Each structure stands twice: as structure tokens, then as C-alpha cells.
Amino acid sequence: MGLPRLHCHRDASGLRGLVIAAIFAVAMSNASGSLNSLAASSVVDFRELRGGSIPGGSDSAGFLRLSRWMTLVWGVVLAVLGTLRWGPMLEAGLTIASITLGSLLGLFLLAFLLRRATASGVLTGMFVGFAAILWIHFYTPLLWTWYVPAGAGITFLTGVIAVLRAA
């Protein structure tokens, strides 16, 4: 006598759909957090650079409108970067996140550790750090796991130099 045969339901499309929806939800959540952080940093820094005023009015509606535009700008920048050949999908996602998170960590450290940090110094550090990490990614053999500390360090040091030169 043999073992009884188990019959499995072959149509698991509902489960497949649920897994795909979960993957998209995680990806959108991660992208949303990064985009909103980048946009918020940019809007606040640009507002400080302009002396506390923002284009389109200083009310909360103007601030929200500018935040939405900056989210769109950063989304386009990251989408363009995402269309380049990055390799396997998991590595590509982590690489793109590492490129942006290094600059954000550098901005946080600059504002937290340097009381004299200015908007122009922070923006200089952010743009130089972001450009440096892109250059490192495309022209050096440095692995993506080092992008966050490298981007944070470059952003922080460039911001400190810009702040000290302006003082």
C-alpha cells in the first residue's frame, strides 16, 4: 500500500497577485519615504536660502505646492537614474537608495553637528555629495555598500567647507 496522493489546487493566481501587490507596496513605501525626504530637505533649504520666502507665496498652500513640485523633480531624477543599466533588481534598488541616503545622512549630520550651518552650505554639500556619488558609481570600482558612508562624508565635508568659507 502506498502513500495517499495529495491533490493541490493548481490555480494559485490569487496568492500570486497578493505577493505581487505586497512587493509593489513595499517598493512604493520605500520610494515614497526617499522622495519625501529629498523633497522636504530641498524645500526647507531653498526656503532658507531665499530668506524665509518661497516662490508662489509663503503660506502653507504655496509650501505644499512647492513640496509637490520638488517631489516630482526628485522622482524624475531618480527615474532617469533607474533607466540606466544597474544590474540585478535587488542590487539596483539598494544602489539607488544608497546614492540618495548618503546625501540625506550628510545633511542631517551637517545640521546636527554644525550650529552655524547655512542653507547655502547645506545645498552646496548636498549637490556636491550627490554628484560625487554618481561619479563614484559610474567611474570607480567602489561597491554600492560604501555609497552611504562616502556620500555622507562628502556631503558633510563639502557643507562644512562651504559654511566656513562663507563666514
N, C-alpha and C. Protein backbone atom coordinates (compact mmCIF):
# COMPACT_ATOMS: atom_id res chain seq x y z
N MET A 1 0.82 -1.17 0.00
CA MET A 1 0.00 0.00 0.00
C MET A 1 0.87 1.25 0.00
N GLY A 2 0.59 2.16 -0.88
CA GLY A 2 1.41 3.37 -0.99
C GLY A 2 0.82 4.52 -0.20
N LEU A 3 1.52 5.60 -0.23
CA LEU A 3 1.05 6.80 0.44
C LEU A 3 -0.10 7.42 -0.34
N PRO A 4 -1.03 8.05 0.35
CA PRO A 4 -2.15 8.68 -0.36
C PRO A 4 -1.64 9.89 -1.14
N ARG A 5 -2.24 10.10 -2.29
CA ARG A 5 -1.87 11.24 -3.12
C ARG A 5 -2.62 12.48 -2.66
N LEU A 6 -1.89 13.55 -2.52
CA LEU A 6 -2.50 14.82 -2.14
C LEU A 6 -2.74 15.62 -3.40
N HIS A 7 -3.90 16.17 -3.51
CA HIS A 7 -4.24 17.00 -4.67
C HIS A 7 -4.20 18.46 -4.25
N CYS A 8 -3.36 19.19 -4.92
CA CYS A 8 -3.24 20.63 -4.65
C CYS A 8 -4.04 21.39 -5.68
N HIS A 9 -4.57 22.48 -5.24
CA HIS A 9 -5.29 23.36 -6.16
C HIS A 9 -4.25 24.08 -7.01
N ARG A 10 -4.28 23.90 -8.30
CA ARG A 10 -3.24 24.44 -9.17
C ARG A 10 -3.42 25.93 -9.48
N ASP A 11 -4.59 26.45 -9.29
CA ASP A 11 -4.81 27.86 -9.61
C ASP A 11 -4.54 28.71 -8.37
N ALA A 12 -3.32 29.17 -8.27
CA ALA A 12 -2.92 30.00 -7.13
C ALA A 12 -2.75 31.45 -7.57
N SER A 13 -3.54 31.87 -8.55
CA SER A 13 -3.38 33.23 -9.06
C SER A 13 -3.69 34.27 -7.99
N GLY A 14 -4.60 33.98 -7.09
CA GLY A 14 -4.91 34.92 -6.01
C GLY A 14 -3.70 35.14 -5.11
N LEU A 15 -3.02 34.06 -4.78
CA LEU A 15 -1.83 34.16 -3.94
C LEU A 15 -0.71 34.88 -4.68
N ARG A 16 -0.54 34.58 -5.95
CA ARG A 16 0.48 35.26 -6.75
C ARG A 16 0.19 36.76 -6.82
N GLY A 17 -1.05 37.10 -7.03
CA GLY A 17 -1.44 38.51 -7.08
C GLY A 17 -1.18 39.21 -5.75
N LEU A 18 -1.45 38.53 -4.65
CA LEU A 18 -1.21 39.10 -3.33
C LEU A 18 0.29 39.34 -3.11
N VAL A 19 1.12 38.40 -3.52
CA VAL A 19 2.57 38.55 -3.38
C VAL A 19 3.06 39.72 -4.24
N ILE A 20 2.58 39.81 -5.46
CA ILE A 20 2.99 40.92 -6.34
C ILE A 20 2.53 42.25 -5.76
N ALA A 21 1.31 42.30 -5.23
CA ALA A 21 0.81 43.54 -4.61
C ALA A 21 1.66 43.92 -3.40
N ALA A 22 2.08 42.93 -2.61
CA ALA A 22 2.92 43.20 -1.45
C ALA A 22 4.28 43.74 -1.88
N ILE A 23 4.84 43.19 -2.95
CA ILE A 23 6.13 43.67 -3.45
C ILE A 23 6.01 45.12 -3.92
N PHE A 24 4.94 45.43 -4.65
CA PHE A 24 4.73 46.80 -5.10
C PHE A 24 4.50 47.75 -3.92
N ALA A 25 3.78 47.30 -2.90
CA ALA A 25 3.53 48.14 -1.72
C ALA A 25 4.84 48.48 -1.00
N VAL A 26 5.71 47.50 -0.86
CA VAL A 26 7.00 47.74 -0.22
C VAL A 26 7.84 48.70 -1.05
N ALA A 27 7.86 48.49 -2.36
CA ALA A 27 8.64 49.37 -3.25
C ALA A 27 8.11 50.80 -3.20
N MET A 28 6.80 50.97 -3.24
CA MET A 28 6.21 52.31 -3.21
C MET A 28 6.46 52.98 -1.86
N SER A 29 6.39 52.22 -0.78
CA SER A 29 6.66 52.78 0.54
C SER A 29 8.09 53.26 0.66
N ASN A 30 9.02 52.46 0.18
CA ASN A 30 10.42 52.84 0.22
C ASN A 30 10.69 54.06 -0.66
N ALA A 31 10.15 54.06 -1.85
CA ALA A 31 10.34 55.19 -2.77
C ALA A 31 9.68 56.45 -2.21
N SER A 32 8.51 56.31 -1.61
CA SER A 32 7.81 57.46 -1.06
C SER A 32 8.62 58.11 0.06
N GLY A 33 9.17 57.29 0.93
CA GLY A 33 9.98 57.85 2.02
C GLY A 33 11.20 58.59 1.51
N SER A 34 11.89 58.00 0.55
CA SER A 34 13.08 58.65 -0.01
C SER A 34 12.72 59.94 -0.74
N LEU A 35 11.68 59.88 -1.57
CA LEU A 35 11.28 61.07 -2.32
C LEU A 35 10.82 62.20 -1.40
N ASN A 36 10.04 61.86 -0.39
CA ASN A 36 9.56 62.89 0.53
C ASN A 36 10.69 63.49 1.35
N SER A 37 11.65 62.67 1.74
CA SER A 37 12.80 63.20 2.49
C SER A 37 13.63 64.13 1.63
N LEU A 38 13.89 63.73 0.40
CA LEU A 38 14.65 64.58 -0.51
C LEU A 38 13.92 65.89 -0.79
N ALA A 39 12.62 65.79 -1.04
CA ALA A 39 11.83 66.99 -1.33
C ALA A 39 11.77 67.92 -0.12
N ALA A 40 11.55 67.36 1.05
CA ALA A 40 11.47 68.19 2.25
C ALA A 40 12.79 68.90 2.52
N SER A 41 13.90 68.18 2.38
CA SER A 41 15.21 68.80 2.58
C SER A 41 15.43 69.92 1.57
N SER A 42 15.09 69.67 0.33
CA SER A 42 15.29 70.67 -0.72
C SER A 42 14.42 71.90 -0.49
N VAL A 43 13.15 71.71 -0.17
CA VAL A 43 12.23 72.84 0.01
C VAL A 43 12.65 73.69 1.20
N VAL A 44 12.97 73.04 2.31
CA VAL A 44 13.36 73.80 3.50
C VAL A 44 14.66 74.55 3.24
N ASP A 45 15.62 73.91 2.59
CA ASP A 45 16.89 74.58 2.31
C ASP A 45 16.73 75.72 1.32
N PHE A 46 15.93 75.51 0.28
CA PHE A 46 15.70 76.59 -0.67
C PHE A 46 14.95 77.75 -0.02
N ARG A 47 14.04 77.44 0.89
CA ARG A 47 13.31 78.50 1.59
C ARG A 47 14.28 79.32 2.44
N GLU A 48 15.17 78.65 3.14
CA GLU A 48 16.15 79.36 3.96
C GLU A 48 17.11 80.18 3.08
N LEU A 49 17.47 79.62 1.93
CA LEU A 49 18.37 80.31 1.02
C LEU A 49 17.74 81.60 0.51
N ARG A 50 16.43 81.61 0.34
CA ARG A 50 15.72 82.78 -0.16
C ARG A 50 15.30 83.72 0.98
N GLY A 51 15.81 83.50 2.17
CA GLY A 51 15.49 84.38 3.29
C GLY A 51 14.15 84.10 3.91
N GLY A 52 13.69 82.88 3.87
CA GLY A 52 12.43 82.51 4.50
C GLY A 52 11.23 82.57 3.59
N SER A 53 11.40 83.04 2.36
CA SER A 53 10.26 83.09 1.45
C SER A 53 10.37 81.96 0.43
N ILE A 54 9.24 81.56 -0.06
CA ILE A 54 9.21 80.52 -1.09
C ILE A 54 8.49 81.05 -2.30
N PRO A 55 8.85 80.57 -3.49
CA PRO A 55 8.13 81.02 -4.68
C PRO A 55 6.66 80.62 -4.61
N GLY A 56 5.79 81.48 -5.02
CA GLY A 56 4.37 81.17 -5.02
C GLY A 56 3.68 81.54 -3.72
N GLY A 57 4.37 82.22 -2.84
CA GLY A 57 3.75 82.66 -1.59
C GLY A 57 4.32 81.92 -0.40
N SER A 58 4.23 82.56 0.77
CA SER A 58 4.79 81.96 1.98
C SER A 58 3.74 81.23 2.80
N ASP A 59 2.53 81.11 2.29
CA ASP A 59 1.50 80.41 3.03
C ASP A 59 1.70 78.90 2.91
N SER A 60 0.93 78.16 3.67
CA SER A 60 1.09 76.71 3.67
C SER A 60 0.69 76.08 2.33
N ALA A 61 -0.23 76.70 1.60
CA ALA A 61 -0.61 76.17 0.28
C ALA A 61 0.56 76.30 -0.70
N GLY A 62 1.26 77.43 -0.66
CA GLY A 62 2.44 77.60 -1.52
C GLY A 62 3.54 76.64 -1.14
N PHE A 63 3.72 76.41 0.16
CA PHE A 63 4.73 75.47 0.64
C PHE A 63 4.40 74.05 0.18
N LEU A 64 3.12 73.68 0.26
CA LEU A 64 2.70 72.36 -0.20
C LEU A 64 2.89 72.21 -1.70
N ARG A 65 2.56 73.25 -2.46
CA ARG A 65 2.72 73.21 -3.91
C ARG A 65 4.20 73.03 -4.29
N LEU A 66 5.07 73.77 -3.64
CA LEU A 66 6.50 73.64 -3.91
C LEU A 66 7.02 72.26 -3.50
N SER A 67 6.52 71.73 -2.40
CA SER A 67 6.92 70.39 -1.96
C SER A 67 6.53 69.34 -2.98
N ARG A 68 5.34 69.48 -3.53
CA ARG A 68 4.90 68.53 -4.56
C ARG A 68 5.77 68.62 -5.81
N TRP A 69 6.12 69.83 -6.21
CA TRP A 69 6.98 70.00 -7.39
C TRP A 69 8.37 69.41 -7.13
N MET A 70 8.90 69.61 -5.94
CA MET A 70 10.22 69.07 -5.63
C MET A 70 10.18 67.54 -5.58
N THR A 71 9.07 66.97 -5.11
CA THR A 71 8.92 65.52 -5.12
C THR A 71 8.92 65.01 -6.56
N LEU A 72 8.23 65.74 -7.44
CA LEU A 72 8.22 65.37 -8.85
C LEU A 72 9.61 65.48 -9.46
N VAL A 73 10.32 66.55 -9.15
CA VAL A 73 11.68 66.74 -9.69
C VAL A 73 12.58 65.60 -9.24
N TRP A 74 12.57 65.29 -7.94
CA TRP A 74 13.41 64.19 -7.45
C TRP A 74 12.97 62.85 -8.04
N GLY A 75 11.68 62.67 -8.24
CA GLY A 75 11.20 61.44 -8.85
C GLY A 75 11.70 61.28 -10.27
N VAL A 76 11.70 62.38 -11.03
CA VAL A 76 12.23 62.33 -12.40
C VAL A 76 13.72 62.03 -12.39
N VAL A 77 14.46 62.69 -11.49
CA VAL A 77 15.90 62.44 -11.40
C VAL A 77 16.17 60.97 -11.09
N LEU A 78 15.46 60.43 -10.13
CA LEU A 78 15.68 59.01 -9.76
C LEU A 78 15.19 58.06 -10.85
N ALA A 79 14.11 58.44 -11.55
CA ALA A 79 13.63 57.60 -12.65
C ALA A 79 14.65 57.55 -13.78
N VAL A 80 15.24 58.71 -14.08
CA VAL A 80 16.28 58.74 -15.13
C VAL A 80 17.45 57.87 -14.70
N LEU A 81 17.85 57.99 -13.44
CA LEU A 81 18.94 57.15 -12.95
C LEU A 81 18.55 55.67 -13.00
N GLY A 82 17.28 55.38 -12.74
CA GLY A 82 16.81 54.00 -12.75
C GLY A 82 16.75 53.38 -14.13
N THR A 83 16.68 54.19 -15.17
CA THR A 83 16.63 53.63 -16.53
C THR A 83 18.00 53.20 -17.02
N LEU A 84 19.03 53.64 -16.32
CA LEU A 84 20.37 53.20 -16.69
C LEU A 84 20.55 51.73 -16.28
N ARG A 85 21.48 51.07 -16.87
CA ARG A 85 21.69 49.65 -16.57
C ARG A 85 22.38 49.53 -15.22
N TRP A 86 21.68 48.94 -14.25
CA TRP A 86 22.17 48.86 -12.89
C TRP A 86 22.51 47.44 -12.47
N GLY A 87 22.07 46.43 -13.18
CA GLY A 87 22.34 45.05 -12.76
C GLY A 87 21.08 44.41 -12.21
N PRO A 88 21.24 43.40 -11.33
CA PRO A 88 20.07 42.73 -10.75
C PRO A 88 19.16 43.70 -10.00
N MET A 89 17.87 43.38 -9.95
CA MET A 89 16.88 44.31 -9.41
C MET A 89 17.12 44.65 -7.94
N LEU A 90 17.42 43.68 -7.11
CA LEU A 90 17.66 43.96 -5.70
C LEU A 90 18.87 44.86 -5.53
N GLU A 91 19.93 44.55 -6.23
CA GLU A 91 21.13 45.37 -6.16
C GLU A 91 20.86 46.77 -6.71
N ALA A 92 20.06 46.87 -7.76
CA ALA A 92 19.73 48.17 -8.33
C ALA A 92 18.95 49.02 -7.32
N GLY A 93 17.98 48.43 -6.67
CA GLY A 93 17.19 49.16 -5.68
C GLY A 93 18.04 49.64 -4.51
N LEU A 94 18.92 48.76 -4.03
CA LEU A 94 19.79 49.14 -2.93
C LEU A 94 20.83 50.18 -3.35
N THR A 95 21.27 50.09 -4.59
CA THR A 95 22.23 51.07 -5.10
C THR A 95 21.60 52.45 -5.18
N ILE A 96 20.41 52.53 -5.74
CA ILE A 96 19.72 53.82 -5.86
C ILE A 96 19.42 54.39 -4.48
N ALA A 97 18.96 53.54 -3.56
CA ALA A 97 18.70 54.01 -2.19
C ALA A 97 20.00 54.50 -1.54
N SER A 98 21.09 53.79 -1.75
CA SER A 98 22.38 54.18 -1.15
C SER A 98 22.86 55.51 -1.69
N ILE A 99 22.62 55.76 -2.97
CA ILE A 99 23.05 57.03 -3.57
C ILE A 99 22.33 58.20 -2.90
N THR A 100 21.04 58.08 -2.68
CA THR A 100 20.29 59.19 -2.09
C THR A 100 20.44 59.28 -0.58
N LEU A 101 20.53 58.14 0.08
CA LEU A 101 20.58 58.16 1.54
C LEU A 101 21.90 58.71 2.07
N GLY A 102 22.97 58.59 1.32
CA GLY A 102 24.25 59.16 1.75
C GLY A 102 24.16 60.67 1.87
N SER A 103 23.55 61.31 0.88
CA SER A 103 23.39 62.77 0.93
C SER A 103 22.48 63.18 2.07
N LEU A 104 21.41 62.41 2.30
CA LEU A 104 20.50 62.75 3.40
C LEU A 104 21.18 62.62 4.75
N LEU A 105 21.97 61.58 4.94
CA LEU A 105 22.70 61.42 6.20
C LEU A 105 23.70 62.55 6.37
N GLY A 106 24.38 62.92 5.31
CA GLY A 106 25.32 64.05 5.38
C GLY A 106 24.62 65.35 5.75
N LEU A 107 23.43 65.59 5.19
CA LEU A 107 22.66 66.79 5.54
C LEU A 107 22.27 66.79 7.01
N PHE A 108 21.82 65.64 7.49
CA PHE A 108 21.43 65.54 8.89
C PHE A 108 22.62 65.81 9.80
N LEU A 109 23.76 65.18 9.51
CA LEU A 109 24.95 65.38 10.33
C LEU A 109 25.41 66.83 10.30
N LEU A 110 25.34 67.44 9.13
CA LEU A 110 25.75 68.83 8.99
C LEU A 110 24.88 69.75 9.85
N ALA A 111 23.58 69.57 9.78
CA ALA A 111 22.67 70.42 10.56
C ALA A 111 22.75 70.11 12.05
N PHE A 112 22.99 68.87 12.41
CA PHE A 112 23.01 68.46 13.81
C PHE A 112 24.33 68.83 14.49
N LEU A 113 25.44 68.66 13.80
CA LEU A 113 26.75 68.86 14.41
C LEU A 113 27.32 70.26 14.24
N LEU A 114 26.87 70.97 13.23
CA LEU A 114 27.43 72.31 12.97
C LEU A 114 26.32 73.34 13.17
N ARG A 115 26.39 74.04 14.29
CA ARG A 115 25.35 75.01 14.62
C ARG A 115 25.31 76.17 13.64
N ARG A 116 26.44 76.48 13.00
CA ARG A 116 26.50 77.61 12.07
C ARG A 116 26.13 77.21 10.65
N ALA A 117 25.57 76.03 10.45
CA ALA A 117 25.22 75.57 9.11
C ALA A 117 24.20 76.53 8.48
N THR A 118 24.45 76.85 7.22
CA THR A 118 23.56 77.75 6.49
C THR A 118 22.90 76.98 5.35
N ALA A 119 21.85 77.56 4.82
CA ALA A 119 21.14 76.91 3.71
C ALA A 119 22.05 76.76 2.49
N SER A 120 22.83 77.78 2.20
CA SER A 120 23.71 77.69 1.03
C SER A 120 24.79 76.63 1.24
N GLY A 121 25.32 76.52 2.45
CA GLY A 121 26.31 75.49 2.74
C GLY A 121 25.72 74.09 2.65
N VAL A 122 24.51 73.94 3.16
CA VAL A 122 23.84 72.64 3.12
C VAL A 122 23.53 72.24 1.68
N LEU A 123 23.02 73.19 0.89
CA LEU A 123 22.72 72.89 -0.51
C LEU A 123 23.98 72.57 -1.31
N THR A 124 25.05 73.30 -1.04
CA THR A 124 26.32 73.01 -1.71
C THR A 124 26.78 71.60 -1.37
N GLY A 125 26.73 71.26 -0.10
CA GLY A 125 27.12 69.92 0.31
C GLY A 125 26.25 68.85 -0.33
N MET A 126 24.94 69.10 -0.38
CA MET A 126 24.02 68.11 -0.95
C MET A 126 24.30 67.87 -2.43
N PHE A 127 24.44 68.94 -3.20
CA PHE A 127 24.66 68.78 -4.63
C PHE A 127 26.03 68.18 -4.95
N VAL A 128 27.05 68.62 -4.24
CA VAL A 128 28.38 68.07 -4.47
C VAL A 128 28.42 66.61 -4.05
N GLY A 129 27.83 66.28 -2.91
CA GLY A 129 27.80 64.89 -2.45
C GLY A 129 27.05 63.98 -3.42
N PHE A 130 25.92 64.46 -3.92
CA PHE A 130 25.13 63.67 -4.87
C PHE A 130 25.90 63.46 -6.17
N ALA A 131 26.51 64.52 -6.68
CA ALA A 131 27.29 64.42 -7.91
C ALA A 131 28.51 63.52 -7.71
N ALA A 132 29.15 63.62 -6.55
CA ALA A 132 30.33 62.79 -6.28
C ALA A 132 29.97 61.31 -6.23
N ILE A 133 28.84 60.99 -5.61
CA ILE A 133 28.44 59.57 -5.54
C ILE A 133 28.07 59.06 -6.92
N LEU A 134 27.43 59.87 -7.74
CA LEU A 134 27.16 59.44 -9.12
C LEU A 134 28.46 59.18 -9.87
N TRP A 135 29.44 60.07 -9.69
CA TRP A 135 30.73 59.87 -10.34
C TRP A 135 31.39 58.60 -9.81
N ILE A 136 31.34 58.40 -8.50
CA ILE A 136 31.92 57.19 -7.91
C ILE A 136 31.24 55.95 -8.47
N HIS A 137 29.93 55.99 -8.60
CA HIS A 137 29.20 54.82 -9.11
C HIS A 137 29.61 54.46 -10.54
N PHE A 138 29.73 55.47 -11.39
CA PHE A 138 29.97 55.19 -12.80
C PHE A 138 31.45 55.06 -13.17
N TYR A 139 32.35 55.62 -12.37
CA TYR A 139 33.75 55.66 -12.78
C TYR A 139 34.74 55.01 -11.82
N THR A 140 34.26 54.42 -10.74
CA THR A 140 35.18 53.75 -9.81
C THR A 140 34.65 52.35 -9.50
N PRO A 141 35.50 51.48 -9.01
CA PRO A 141 35.06 50.12 -8.67
C PRO A 141 34.48 50.01 -7.26
N LEU A 142 34.23 51.13 -6.57
CA LEU A 142 33.70 51.09 -5.21
C LEU A 142 32.32 50.41 -5.20
N LEU A 143 32.12 49.48 -4.28
CA LEU A 143 30.85 48.76 -4.19
C LEU A 143 29.76 49.66 -3.60
N TRP A 144 28.51 49.39 -3.95
CA TRP A 144 27.38 50.21 -3.54
C TRP A 144 27.21 50.22 -2.03
N THR A 145 27.72 49.24 -1.33
CA THR A 145 27.59 49.20 0.13
C THR A 145 28.33 50.35 0.80
N TRP A 146 29.27 50.97 0.09
CA TRP A 146 30.04 52.08 0.64
C TRP A 146 29.50 53.43 0.20
N TYR A 147 28.43 53.46 -0.57
CA TYR A 147 27.90 54.73 -1.07
C TYR A 147 27.34 55.61 0.05
N VAL A 148 26.68 55.01 1.04
CA VAL A 148 26.10 55.81 2.12
C VAL A 148 27.19 56.50 2.94
N PRO A 149 28.19 55.77 3.44
CA PRO A 149 29.23 56.49 4.20
C PRO A 149 30.03 57.47 3.33
N ALA A 150 30.30 57.10 2.10
CA ALA A 150 31.05 58.01 1.21
C ALA A 150 30.23 59.25 0.92
N GLY A 151 28.95 59.08 0.57
CA GLY A 151 28.08 60.22 0.28
C GLY A 151 27.88 61.11 1.49
N ALA A 152 27.71 60.49 2.67
CA ALA A 152 27.54 61.27 3.89
C ALA A 152 28.81 62.07 4.20
N GLY A 153 29.96 61.42 4.06
CA GLY A 153 31.22 62.11 4.34
C GLY A 153 31.48 63.25 3.38
N ILE A 154 31.27 63.02 2.09
CA ILE A 154 31.50 64.06 1.09
C ILE A 154 30.52 65.21 1.29
N THR A 155 29.25 64.90 1.53
CA THR A 155 28.25 65.94 1.76
C THR A 155 28.60 66.75 3.00
N PHE A 156 28.94 66.07 4.08
CA PHE A 156 29.27 66.75 5.33
C PHE A 156 30.50 67.65 5.17
N LEU A 157 31.57 67.09 4.63
CA LEU A 157 32.81 67.87 4.50
C LEU A 157 32.64 69.06 3.55
N THR A 158 31.96 68.83 2.43
CA THR A 158 31.73 69.93 1.49
C THR A 158 30.86 71.01 2.13
N GLY A 159 29.85 70.62 2.87
CA GLY A 159 29.00 71.58 3.57
C GLY A 159 29.76 72.37 4.62
N VAL A 160 30.62 71.69 5.38
CA VAL A 160 31.43 72.38 6.39
C VAL A 160 32.34 73.40 5.73
N ILE A 161 32.99 73.00 4.65
CA ILE A 161 33.90 73.93 3.93
C ILE A 161 33.11 75.12 3.40
N ALA A 162 31.94 74.87 2.83
CA ALA A 162 31.13 75.97 2.28
C ALA A 162 30.67 76.91 3.39
N VAL A 163 30.29 76.36 4.55
CA VAL A 163 29.86 77.20 5.66
C VAL A 163 31.02 78.03 6.21
N LEU A 164 32.17 77.40 6.36
CA LEU A 164 33.34 78.11 6.91
C LEU A 164 33.85 79.18 5.96
N ARG A 165 33.78 78.92 4.67
CA ARG A 165 34.24 79.92 3.69
C ARG A 165 33.29 81.12 3.65
N ALA A 166 32.00 80.87 3.89
CA ALA A 166 31.03 81.95 3.84
C ALA A 166 31.09 82.82 5.10
N ALA A 167 31.60 82.26 6.17
CA ALA A 167 31.64 83.01 7.46
C ALA A 167 32.71 84.05 7.50
